[in-house]
Amino acid sequence: MALDTGQNQTETEFVCEEQFNERHDQENPLWTRERIEEAITAIELFKLANKQYYYGKKYDLMEVGTKKPLILKRKSDSDPAVKIVPTEEFYHILRKLQ
């Protein structure tokens, strides 16, 4: 965008950044830095909520004394509880079964 230093300045030319920002804010005030940050935060929260929904739909907690192991959600109370164990414990669990 070229600046006209003469007296014939058109409406699309701006003298300085301040004037440009002032004009731009009047035409489209929606996407300020603050608004963009709010949108990013909202999207992150939305993704987190979807992940929580996924886990809540597929998994459950079972209270065993003071512990709450993660289990696959059961369709009925008569279904067996399938505990989710960390891979770091696989070897030790398999050794106990022998």
Protein backbone atom coordinates (compact mmCIF):
# COMPACT_ATOMS: atom_id res chain seq x y z
CA MET A 1 0.00 0.00 0.00
CA ALA A 2 1.64 3.26 -1.10
CA LEU A 3 1.42 6.43 0.94
CA ASP A 4 0.62 9.65 -0.83
CA THR A 5 2.59 12.50 0.69
CA GLY A 6 0.63 15.11 -1.26
CA GLN A 7 -2.76 16.61 -0.52
CA ASN A 8 -4.66 13.98 -2.62
CA GLN A 9 -4.87 11.22 -0.01
CA THR A 10 -7.50 8.57 -0.80
CA GLU A 11 -9.57 6.68 1.79
CA THR A 12 -7.55 3.47 1.37
CA GLU A 13 -4.25 5.08 2.33
CA PHE A 14 -3.20 5.51 5.95
CA VAL A 15 -0.81 7.99 7.46
CA CYS A 16 0.32 5.84 10.39
CA GLU A 17 -0.27 2.56 12.19
CA GLU A 18 -2.52 4.27 14.74
CA GLN A 19 -4.82 5.56 12.02
CA PHE A 20 -4.81 2.16 10.29
CA ASN A 21 -5.74 0.34 13.54
CA GLU A 22 -8.44 2.85 14.35
CA ARG A 23 -10.03 2.41 10.94
CA HIS A 24 -9.65 -1.36 10.98
CA ASP A 25 -11.25 -1.62 14.46
CA GLN A 26 -14.30 0.27 13.20
CA GLU A 27 -14.71 -2.08 10.24
CA ASN A 28 -14.05 -5.42 11.99
CA PRO A 29 -13.80 -5.24 15.79
CA LEU A 30 -14.25 -8.98 16.42
CA TRP A 31 -10.79 -10.62 16.32
CA THR A 32 -8.62 -8.84 18.85
CA ARG A 33 -5.71 -10.69 20.49
CA GLU A 34 -7.85 -11.17 23.58
CA ARG A 35 -10.69 -12.66 21.53
CA ILE A 36 -8.30 -14.99 19.69
CA GLU A 37 -6.87 -16.18 23.04
CA GLU A 38 -10.42 -16.76 24.31
CA ALA A 39 -11.22 -18.83 21.21
CA ILE A 40 -8.04 -20.89 21.61
CA THR A 41 -8.87 -21.54 25.28
CA ALA A 42 -12.45 -22.50 24.41
CA ILE A 43 -11.25 -24.95 21.73
CA GLU A 44 -8.75 -26.51 24.15
CA LEU A 45 -11.49 -26.91 26.79
CA PHE A 46 -13.82 -28.40 24.17
CA LYS A 47 -11.17 -30.97 23.21
CA LEU A 48 -10.56 -31.78 26.88
CA ALA A 49 -14.30 -32.19 27.50
CA ASN A 50 -14.57 -34.55 24.51
CA LYS A 51 -11.69 -36.61 25.86
CA GLN A 52 -13.32 -36.71 29.30
CA TYR A 53 -16.61 -37.74 27.68
CA TYR A 54 -14.81 -40.53 25.81
CA TYR A 55 -13.18 -41.85 29.01
CA GLY A 56 -16.40 -41.52 31.00
CA LYS A 57 -18.33 -43.45 28.38
CA LYS A 58 -15.80 -46.29 28.06
CA TYR A 59 -14.26 -46.60 31.55
CA ASP A 60 -15.36 -46.51 35.18
CA LEU A 61 -13.87 -46.58 38.67
CA MET A 62 -14.38 -49.38 41.15
CA GLU A 63 -13.94 -48.70 44.83
CA VAL A 64 -11.81 -51.34 46.52
CA GLY A 65 -11.07 -50.15 50.04
CA THR A 66 -9.22 -46.87 49.67
CA LYS A 67 -8.14 -47.62 46.09
CA LYS A 68 -10.09 -46.79 42.94
CA PRO A 69 -8.82 -48.94 40.07
CA LEU A 70 -9.78 -48.06 36.50
CA ILE A 71 -12.04 -50.67 34.88
CA LEU A 72 -13.86 -51.12 31.59
CA LYS A 73 -17.43 -49.93 31.94
CA ARG A 74 -19.75 -52.87 32.52
CA LYS A 75 -23.18 -53.20 30.90
CA SER A 76 -24.56 -54.72 34.09
CA ASP A 77 -23.35 -55.34 37.62
CA SER A 78 -23.21 -59.08 36.91
CA ASP A 79 -20.56 -58.58 34.19
CA PRO A 80 -16.99 -59.23 35.36
CA ALA A 81 -14.85 -56.19 36.19
CA VAL A 82 -11.93 -55.82 33.80
CA LYS A 83 -9.19 -53.82 35.50
CA ILE A 84 -6.95 -51.61 33.38
CA VAL A 85 -3.34 -52.08 34.46
CA PRO A 86 -0.26 -50.14 33.40
CA THR A 87 2.10 -51.85 30.97
CA GLU A 88 4.87 -51.48 33.54
CA GLU A 89 3.03 -54.05 35.70
CA PHE A 90 2.42 -56.66 32.95
CA TYR A 91 5.54 -58.71 33.69
CA HIS A 92 4.90 -58.90 37.42
CA ILE A 93 1.24 -59.83 36.92
CA LEU A 94 2.15 -62.58 34.46
CA ARG A 95 4.83 -63.92 36.83
CA LYS A 96 2.24 -64.19 39.62
CA LEU A 97 -0.04 -66.26 37.34
CA GLN A 98 2.63 -68.94 36.79
